[in-house]
Amino acid sequence: MFAGLVQYLDSIKARDPAPRSRWEVLLYPGLWALAWHRVAHALFNARLFFLARWVNHMSRFLTGIDIHPGASIGKHLFIDHGFTVIGETAEIGNDVTIYQCVTLGGTNPTSGVGGKRHPTLEDNVIVGAGAQILGPITVGQRARVGANAVVTEDVPEGATMVGPKARSTLVKAETWAKEFMPYGTPCKEPCEPGGQRIEDLEAEVAALRTQIEALMAERDAAKNAGAAPRQQTQG
């Protein structure tokens, strides 16, 4: 057990240049959040759900990191700084690094059944600060998710994901929204027409811009043609 702890502390030191010793790493909130989660997860698997939630509540109060007791986490997870949320059905592999303010969140299950709602992060994944990884997707081994990226689709092994994905669906809220929409995330179908509509509008704007430029060029040519005879008469 002691050797395993030392190995874990060394794995964090290898990824973080800030600590001067293993003793400093022992004060990291991510380390304590993971330790509390191991207890909560064992209670959850034993179907002692209230006790698991109580341990989770105390961990969140003390560390600022909210890991659902049902989440499955492999070896050497490093949560740097904290303020991270990891959902119930999330699965995290070995040697994963997560920076501050990351959410491994769920999406609205269109079937009405909970099931797998949260992401799977495979081994050696790095997730940048503020990133939001949403839904039952898989982030492949050694993939990188940049700061503030919003990821809602599978990430191939070794890929790097950057940038926000959010956009207006151009669908009236009353058309699709019900009394409550879990996680504020609609299902896939209403999003697609909005995306296509945006592309159509962008193409229409580009065509109008081309027509305006042609008309302006024609007007300038007419002005120049009318000005030439007057200059000759004055001479």
C-alpha atoms as a PDB file:
ATOM      1  CA  MET A   1       0.000   0.000   0.000  1.00  0.00           C
ATOM      2  CA  PHE A   2       2.798   2.428   0.922  1.00  0.00           C
ATOM      3  CA  ALA A   3       4.698   1.580  -2.265  1.00  0.00           C
ATOM      4  CA  GLY A   4       1.549   2.228  -4.282  1.00  0.00           C
ATOM      5  CA  LEU A   5       1.107   5.627  -2.620  1.00  0.00           C
ATOM      6  CA  VAL A   6       4.713   6.587  -3.332  1.00  0.00           C
ATOM      7  CA  GLN A   7       4.283   5.551  -6.958  1.00  0.00           C
ATOM      8  CA  TYR A   8       1.135   7.682  -7.204  1.00  0.00           C
ATOM      9  CA  LEU A   9       2.860  10.714  -5.680  1.00  0.00           C
ATOM     10  CA  ASP A  10       5.775  10.320  -8.072  1.00  0.00           C
ATOM     11  CA  SER A  11       3.370  10.125 -11.022  1.00  0.00           C
ATOM     12  CA  ILE A  12       1.941  13.492 -10.006  1.00  0.00           C
ATOM     13  CA  LYS A  13       5.390  15.041  -9.548  1.00  0.00           C
ATOM     14  CA  ALA A  14       6.293  13.859 -13.038  1.00  0.00           C
ATOM     15  CA  ARG A  15       3.337  15.799 -14.473  1.00  0.00           C
ATOM     16  CA  ASP A  16       3.497  18.900 -12.268  1.00  0.00           C
ATOM     17  CA  PRO A  17       6.684  20.973 -11.891  1.00  0.00           C
ATOM     18  CA  ALA A  18       5.317  22.937  -8.901  1.00  0.00           C
ATOM     19  CA  PRO A  19       5.869  20.567  -5.931  1.00  0.00           C
ATOM     20  CA  ARG A  20       9.364  20.355  -4.486  1.00  0.00           C
ATOM     21  CA  SER A  21       8.660  17.124  -2.643  1.00  0.00           C
ATOM     22  CA  ARG A  22       6.115  14.352  -2.200  1.00  0.00           C
ATOM     23  CA  TRP A  23       4.976  16.031   1.020  1.00  0.00           C
ATOM     24  CA  GLU A  24       3.587  18.941  -0.965  1.00  0.00           C
ATOM     25  CA  VAL A  25       1.646  16.596  -3.208  1.00  0.00           C
ATOM     26  CA  LEU A  26      -0.018  15.155  -0.110  1.00  0.00           C
ATOM     27  CA  LEU A  27      -1.738  18.534   0.337  1.00  0.00           C
ATOM     28  CA  TYR A  28      -3.260  18.565  -3.164  1.00  0.00           C
ATOM     29  CA  PRO A  29      -7.081  18.606  -3.069  1.00  0.00           C
ATOM     30  CA  GLY A  30      -7.223  16.283  -6.077  1.00  0.00           C
ATOM     31  CA  LEU A  31      -5.364  13.593  -4.161  1.00  0.00           C
ATOM     32  CA  TRP A  32      -7.746  13.802  -1.206  1.00  0.00           C
ATOM     33  CA  ALA A  33     -10.799  13.905  -3.461  1.00  0.00           C
ATOM     34  CA  LEU A  34      -9.629  10.691  -5.113  1.00  0.00           C
ATOM     35  CA  ALA A  35      -8.988   9.058  -1.728  1.00  0.00           C
ATOM     36  CA  TRP A  36     -12.503   9.949  -0.542  1.00  0.00           C
ATOM     37  CA  HIS A  37     -13.894   8.689  -3.833  1.00  0.00           C
ATOM     38  CA  ARG A  38     -12.298   5.273  -3.370  1.00  0.00           C
ATOM     39  CA  VAL A  39     -14.276   4.943  -0.130  1.00  0.00           C
ATOM     40  CA  ALA A  40     -17.489   6.306  -1.661  1.00  0.00           C
ATOM     41  CA  HIS A  41     -17.177   4.029  -4.703  1.00  0.00           C
ATOM     42  CA  ALA A  42     -16.766   0.952  -2.502  1.00  0.00           C
ATOM     43  CA  LEU A  43     -19.887   1.920  -0.569  1.00  0.00           C
ATOM     44  CA  PHE A  44     -21.740   2.566  -3.830  1.00  0.00           C
ATOM     45  CA  ASN A  45     -20.836  -0.887  -5.161  1.00  0.00           C
ATOM     46  CA  ALA A  46     -22.047  -2.342  -1.873  1.00  0.00           C
ATOM     47  CA  ARG A  47     -25.383  -0.581  -2.548  1.00  0.00           C
ATOM     48  CA  LEU A  48     -24.951   1.626   0.507  1.00  0.00           C
ATOM     49  CA  PHE A  49     -26.014   4.600  -1.550  1.00  0.00           C
ATOM     50  CA  PHE A  50     -26.762   7.041   1.257  1.00  0.00           C
ATOM     51  CA  LEU A  51     -23.405   6.472   2.940  1.00  0.00           C
ATOM     52  CA  ALA A  52     -21.674   6.775  -0.426  1.00  0.00           C
ATOM     53  CA  ARG A  53     -23.415  10.096  -1.005  1.00  0.00           C
ATOM     54  CA  TRP A  54     -22.467  11.291   2.468  1.00  0.00           C
ATOM     55  CA  VAL A  55     -18.793  10.564   1.812  1.00  0.00           C
ATOM     56  CA  ASN A  56     -19.103  12.293  -1.570  1.00  0.00           C
ATOM     57  CA  HIS A  57     -20.718  15.313   0.117  1.00  0.00           C
ATOM     58  CA  MET A  58     -17.918  15.600   2.668  1.00  0.00           C
ATOM     59  CA  SER A  59     -15.295  15.258  -0.062  1.00  0.00           C
ATOM     60  CA  ARG A  60     -16.895  18.007  -2.121  1.00  0.00           C
ATOM     61  CA  PHE A  61     -17.111  20.260   0.959  1.00  0.00           C
ATOM     62  CA  LEU A  62     -13.444  19.755   1.812  1.00  0.00           C
ATOM     63  CA  THR A  63     -11.887  19.720  -1.667  1.00  0.00           C
ATOM     64  CA  GLY A  64     -14.236  21.551  -4.035  1.00  0.00           C
ATOM     65  CA  ILE A  65     -14.198  18.505  -6.326  1.00  0.00           C
ATOM     66  CA  ASP A  66     -17.423  16.604  -6.999  1.00  0.00           C
ATOM     67  CA  ILE A  67     -16.919  12.981  -8.073  1.00  0.00           C
ATOM     68  CA  HIS A  68     -20.080  10.908  -8.121  1.00  0.00           C
ATOM     69  CA  PRO A  69     -19.647   7.675  -6.114  1.00  0.00           C
ATOM     70  CA  GLY A  70     -20.643   5.652  -9.167  1.00  0.00           C
ATOM     71  CA  ALA A  71     -17.828   6.924 -11.384  1.00  0.00           C
ATOM     72  CA  SER A  72     -15.121   4.379 -12.262  1.00  0.00           C
ATOM     73  CA  ILE A  73     -11.557   5.691 -11.995  1.00  0.00           C
ATOM     74  CA  GLY A  74      -8.310   3.898 -12.822  1.00  0.00           C
ATOM     75  CA  LYS A  75      -4.806   4.389 -11.467  1.00  0.00           C
ATOM     76  CA  HIS A  76      -2.917   7.654 -11.053  1.00  0.00           C
ATOM     77  CA  LEU A  77      -5.641  10.157 -11.888  1.00  0.00           C
ATOM     78  CA  PHE A  78      -4.259  13.670 -11.353  1.00  0.00           C
ATOM     79  CA  ILE A  79      -6.815  16.446 -10.809  1.00  0.00           C
ATOM     80  CA  ASP A  80      -4.796  19.655 -10.712  1.00  0.00           C
ATOM     81  CA  HIS A  81      -6.234  22.473  -8.544  1.00  0.00           C
ATOM     82  CA  GLY A  82      -9.782  21.120  -8.552  1.00  0.00           C
ATOM     83  CA  PHE A  83     -13.309  22.546  -8.998  1.00  0.00           C
ATOM     84  CA  THR A  84     -14.051  19.595 -11.235  1.00  0.00           C
ATOM     85  CA  VAL A  85     -17.279  17.619 -11.704  1.00  0.00           C
ATOM     86  CA  ILE A  86     -17.287  13.944 -12.713  1.00  0.00           C
ATOM     87  CA  GLY A  87     -20.649  12.291 -13.374  1.00  0.00           C
ATOM     88  CA  GLU A  88     -22.055   8.982 -12.215  1.00  0.00           C
ATOM     89  CA  THR A  89     -21.417   6.882 -15.323  1.00  0.00           C
ATOM     90  CA  ALA A  90     -18.063   8.444 -16.200  1.00  0.00           C
ATOM     91  CA  GLU A  91     -15.149   6.044 -16.720  1.00  0.00           C
ATOM     92  CA  ILE A  92     -11.546   7.183 -16.416  1.00  0.00           C
ATOM     93  CA  GLY A  93      -8.529   5.095 -17.354  1.00  0.00           C
ATOM     94  CA  ASN A  94      -4.965   5.148 -16.042  1.00  0.00           C
ATOM     95  CA  ASP A  95      -2.594   8.136 -15.862  1.00  0.00           C
ATOM     96  CA  VAL A  96      -5.255  10.660 -16.843  1.00  0.00           C
ATOM     97  CA  THR A  97      -4.612  14.353 -16.107  1.00  0.00           C
ATOM     98  CA  ILE A  98      -7.477  16.786 -15.548  1.00  0.00           C
ATOM     99  CA  TYR A  99      -6.921  20.484 -14.927  1.00  0.00           C
ATOM    100  CA  GLN A 100      -9.241  22.839 -13.057  1.00  0.00           C
ATOM    101  CA  CYS A 101     -12.920  23.562 -13.765  1.00  0.00           C
ATOM    102  CA  VAL A 102     -13.494  20.536 -16.005  1.00  0.00           C
ATOM    103  CA  THR A 103     -16.873  18.832 -16.332  1.00  0.00           C
ATOM    104  CA  LEU A 104     -17.366  15.233 -17.380  1.00  0.00           C
ATOM    105  CA  GLY A 105     -21.092  15.729 -17.750  1.00  0.00           C
ATOM    106  CA  GLY A 106     -24.148  14.007 -19.092  1.00  0.00           C
ATOM    107  CA  THR A 107     -26.550  14.759 -21.912  1.00  0.00           C
ATOM    108  CA  ASN A 108     -30.286  14.411 -22.133  1.00  0.00           C
ATOM    109  CA  PRO A 109     -31.106  10.718 -22.728  1.00  0.00           C
ATOM    110  CA  THR A 110     -33.591  10.811 -25.613  1.00  0.00           C
ATOM    111  CA  SER A 111     -34.927   7.367 -24.735  1.00  0.00           C
ATOM    112  CA  GLY A 112     -35.918   8.486 -21.261  1.00  0.00           C
ATOM    113  CA  VAL A 113     -33.642   5.820 -19.772  1.00  0.00           C
ATOM    114  CA  GLY A 114     -30.597   6.905 -17.770  1.00  0.00           C
ATOM    115  CA  GLY A 115     -28.028   4.341 -18.815  1.00  0.00           C
ATOM    116  CA  LYS A 116     -24.564   5.501 -19.837  1.00  0.00           C
ATOM    117  CA  ARG A 117     -24.774   9.312 -19.784  1.00  0.00           C
ATOM    118  CA  HIS A 118     -21.200  10.440 -19.145  1.00  0.00           C
ATOM    119  CA  PRO A 119     -17.867  10.239 -21.002  1.00  0.00           C
ATOM    120  CA  THR A 120     -15.187   7.583 -21.022  1.00  0.00           C
ATOM    121  CA  LEU A 121     -11.580   8.823 -20.867  1.00  0.00           C
ATOM    122  CA  GLU A 122      -9.040   6.201 -21.876  1.00  0.00           C
ATOM    123  CA  ASP A 123      -5.427   5.959 -20.649  1.00  0.00           C
ATOM    124  CA  ASN A 124      -3.070   8.977 -20.699  1.00  0.00           C
ATOM    125  CA  VAL A 125      -5.728  11.521 -21.691  1.00  0.00           C
ATOM    126  CA  ILE A 126      -5.068  15.173 -20.796  1.00  0.00           C
ATOM    127  CA  VAL A 127      -7.997  17.556 -20.297  1.00  0.00           C
ATOM    128  CA  GLY A 128      -7.277  21.293 -20.228  1.00  0.00           C
ATOM    129  CA  ALA A 129      -8.747  23.847 -17.827  1.00  0.00           C
ATOM    130  CA  GLY A 130     -12.417  24.666 -18.284  1.00  0.00           C
ATOM    131  CA  ALA A 131     -13.087  21.923 -20.820  1.00  0.00           C
ATOM    132  CA  GLN A 132     -16.551  20.413 -20.972  1.00  0.00           C
ATOM    133  CA  ILE A 133     -16.818  16.806 -22.152  1.00  0.00           C
ATOM    134  CA  LEU A 134     -20.465  15.875 -22.438  1.00  0.00           C
ATOM    135  CA  GLY A 135     -22.371  12.704 -23.129  1.00  0.00           C
ATOM    136  CA  PRO A 136     -21.610   8.991 -23.448  1.00  0.00           C
ATOM    137  CA  ILE A 137     -18.626   9.541 -25.727  1.00  0.00           C
ATOM    138  CA  THR A 138     -15.123   8.084 -25.698  1.00  0.00           C
ATOM    139  CA  VAL A 139     -11.905  10.111 -25.605  1.00  0.00           C
ATOM    140  CA  GLY A 140      -9.222   7.835 -27.030  1.00  0.00           C
ATOM    141  CA  GLN A 141      -5.837   7.044 -25.524  1.00  0.00           C
ATOM    142  CA  ARG A 142      -3.304   9.908 -25.378  1.00  0.00           C
ATOM    143  CA  ALA A 143      -5.872  12.361 -26.708  1.00  0.00           C
ATOM    144  CA  ARG A 144      -5.669  16.018 -25.669  1.00  0.00           C
ATOM    145  CA  VAL A 145      -8.626  18.273 -24.947  1.00  0.00           C
ATOM    146  CA  GLY A 146      -7.664  21.947 -24.991  1.00  0.00           C
ATOM    147  CA  ALA A 147      -8.703  24.563 -22.446  1.00  0.00           C
ATOM    148  CA  ASN A 148     -12.374  25.602 -22.667  1.00  0.00           C
ATOM    149  CA  ALA A 149     -13.079  23.087 -25.424  1.00  0.00           C
ATOM    150  CA  VAL A 150     -16.590  21.656 -25.622  1.00  0.00           C
ATOM    151  CA  VAL A 151     -16.524  18.031 -26.747  1.00  0.00           C
ATOM    152  CA  THR A 152     -19.720  16.156 -27.601  1.00  0.00           C
ATOM    153  CA  GLU A 153     -18.428  13.541 -30.055  1.00  0.00           C
ATOM    154  CA  ASP A 154     -15.914  10.691 -29.852  1.00  0.00           C
ATOM    155  CA  VAL A 155     -12.263  11.735 -29.916  1.00  0.00           C
ATOM    156  CA  PRO A 156      -9.850   9.497 -31.852  1.00  0.00           C
ATOM    157  CA  GLU A 157      -6.737   8.121 -30.207  1.00  0.00           C
ATOM    158  CA  GLY A 158      -3.968  10.705 -30.046  1.00  0.00           C
ATOM    159  CA  ALA A 159      -6.132  13.563 -31.370  1.00  0.00           C
ATOM    160  CA  THR A 160      -6.137  17.122 -30.010  1.00  0.00           C
ATOM    161  CA  MET A 161      -9.489  18.891 -29.610  1.00  0.00           C
ATOM    162  CA  VAL A 162      -9.697  22.686 -29.356  1.00  0.00           C
ATOM    163  CA  GLY A 163     -12.399  25.346 -29.443  1.00  0.00           C
ATOM    164  CA  PRO A 164     -16.021  25.655 -28.382  1.00  0.00           C
ATOM    165  CA  LYS A 165     -18.758  23.803 -30.202  1.00  0.00           C
ATOM    166  CA  ALA A 166     -21.753  25.757 -28.916  1.00  0.00           C
ATOM    167  CA  ARG A 167     -24.021  27.373 -31.511  1.00  0.00           C
ATOM    168  CA  SER A 168     -27.611  28.495 -31.857  1.00  0.00           C
ATOM    169  CA  THR A 169     -29.960  25.787 -33.080  1.00  0.00           C
ATOM    170  CA  LEU A 170     -32.403  28.388 -34.479  1.00  0.00           C
ATOM    171  CA  VAL A 171     -35.207  26.213 -33.143  1.00  0.00           C
ATOM    172  CA  LYS A 172     -37.917  27.852 -31.062  1.00  0.00           C
ATOM    173  CA  ALA A 173     -37.649  26.818 -27.445  1.00  0.00           C
ATOM    174  CA  GLU A 174     -41.360  26.109 -27.142  1.00  0.00           C
ATOM    175  CA  THR A 175     -41.101  23.660 -30.030  1.00  0.00           C
ATOM    176  CA  TRP A 176     -38.690  21.301 -28.286  1.00  0.00           C
ATOM    177  CA  ALA A 177     -38.314  22.292 -24.648  1.00  0.00           C
ATOM    178  CA  LYS A 178     -40.426  20.519 -22.091  1.00  0.00           C
ATOM    179  CA  GLU A 179     -40.933  21.368 -18.433  1.00  0.00           C
ATOM    180  CA  PHE A 180     -37.357  20.334 -17.689  1.00  0.00           C
ATOM    181  CA  MET A 181     -34.466  19.485 -19.966  1.00  0.00           C
ATOM    182  CA  PRO A 182     -31.742  17.477 -18.166  1.00  0.00           C
ATOM    183  CA  TYR A 183     -28.341  19.160 -18.312  1.00  0.00           C
ATOM    184  CA  GLY A 184     -29.782  21.847 -20.606  1.00  0.00           C
ATOM    185  CA  THR A 185     -28.809  19.668 -23.557  1.00  0.00           C
ATOM    186  CA  PRO A 186     -31.310  18.840 -26.311  1.00  0.00           C
ATOM    187  CA  CYS A 187     -31.194  15.592 -28.222  1.00  0.00           C
ATOM    188  CA  LYS A 188     -29.364  15.447 -31.543  1.00  0.00           C
ATOM    189  CA  GLU A 189     -32.289  15.849 -33.970  1.00  0.00           C
ATOM    190  CA  PRO A 190     -33.312  19.471 -33.277  1.00  0.00           C
ATOM    191  CA  CYS A 191     -29.702  20.623 -33.414  1.00  0.00           C
ATOM    192  CA  GLU A 192     -29.026  19.459 -36.952  1.00  0.00           C
ATOM    193  CA  PRO A 193     -31.597  21.639 -38.788  1.00  0.00           C
ATOM    194  CA  GLY A 194     -30.183  24.650 -36.984  1.00  0.00           C
ATOM    195  CA  GLY A 195     -26.678  23.867 -38.137  1.00  0.00           C
ATOM    196  CA  GLN A 196     -27.833  23.422 -41.730  1.00  0.00           C
ATOM    197  CA  ARG A 197     -29.812  26.661 -41.550  1.00  0.00           C
ATOM    198  CA  ILE A 198     -26.710  28.562 -40.424  1.00  0.00           C
ATOM    199  CA  GLU A 199     -24.755  27.201 -43.383  1.00  0.00           C
ATOM    200  CA  ASP A 200     -27.575  28.207 -45.773  1.00  0.00           C
ATOM    201  CA  LEU A 201     -27.673  31.727 -44.336  1.00  0.00           C
ATOM    202  CA  GLU A 202     -23.895  32.092 -44.612  1.00  0.00           C
ATOM    203  CA  ALA A 203     -24.038  31.040 -48.286  1.00  0.00           C
ATOM    204  CA  GLU A 204     -26.861  33.506 -48.933  1.00  0.00           C
ATOM    205  CA  VAL A 205     -24.912  36.358 -47.307  1.00  0.00           C
ATOM    206  CA  ALA A 206     -21.855  35.517 -49.413  1.00  0.00           C
ATOM    207  CA  ALA A 207     -23.958  35.575 -52.620  1.00  0.00           C
ATOM    208  CA  LEU A 208     -25.504  38.934 -51.689  1.00  0.00           C
ATOM    209  CA  ARG A 209     -22.062  40.367 -50.937  1.00  0.00           C
ATOM    210  CA  THR A 210     -20.867  39.280 -54.392  1.00  0.00           C
ATOM    211  CA  GLN A 211     -23.888  40.916 -56.065  1.00  0.00           C
ATOM    212  CA  ILE A 212     -23.366  44.170 -54.155  1.00  0.00           C
ATOM    213  CA  GLU A 213     -19.712  44.297 -55.133  1.00  0.00           C
ATOM    214  CA  ALA A 214     -20.651  43.747 -58.802  1.00  0.00           C
ATOM    215  CA  LEU A 215     -23.255  46.544 -58.709  1.00  0.00           C
ATOM    216  CA  MET A 216     -20.786  48.939 -57.066  1.00  0.00           C
ATOM    217  CA  ALA A 217     -18.166  48.132 -59.694  1.00  0.00           C
ATOM    218  CA  GLU A 218     -20.745  48.728 -62.467  1.00  0.00           C
ATOM    219  CA  ARG A 219     -21.740  52.067 -60.916  1.00  0.00           C
ATOM    220  CA  ASP A 220     -18.123  53.211 -60.638  1.00  0.00           C
ATOM    221  CA  ALA A 221     -17.493  52.244 -64.256  1.00  0.00           C
ATOM    222  CA  ALA A 222     -20.517  54.276 -65.369  1.00  0.00           C
ATOM    223  CA  LYS A 223     -19.329  57.299 -63.393  1.00  0.00           C
ATOM    224  CA  ASN A 224     -15.864  57.102 -64.954  1.00  0.00           C
ATOM    225  CA  ALA A 225     -17.328  56.788 -68.475  1.00  0.00           C
ATOM    226  CA  GLY A 226     -19.492  59.888 -67.931  1.00  0.00           C
ATOM    227  CA  ALA A 227     -16.629  61.949 -66.506  1.00  0.00           C
ATOM    228  CA  ALA A 228     -14.254  61.411 -69.479  1.00  0.00           C
ATOM    229  CA  PRO A 229     -16.200  63.502 -72.121  1.00  0.00           C
ATOM    230  CA  ARG A 230     -16.589  66.450 -69.734  1.00  0.00           C
ATOM    231  CA  GLN A 231     -12.842  66.556 -69.161  1.00  0.00           C
ATOM    232  CA  GLN A 232     -12.225  66.627 -72.961  1.00  0.00           C
ATOM    233  CA  THR A 233     -14.759  69.493 -73.448  1.00  0.00           C
ATOM    234  CA  GLN A 234     -13.127  71.598 -70.788  1.00  0.00           C
ATOM    235  CA  GLY A 235      -9.759  71.182 -72.526  1.00  0.00           C
END
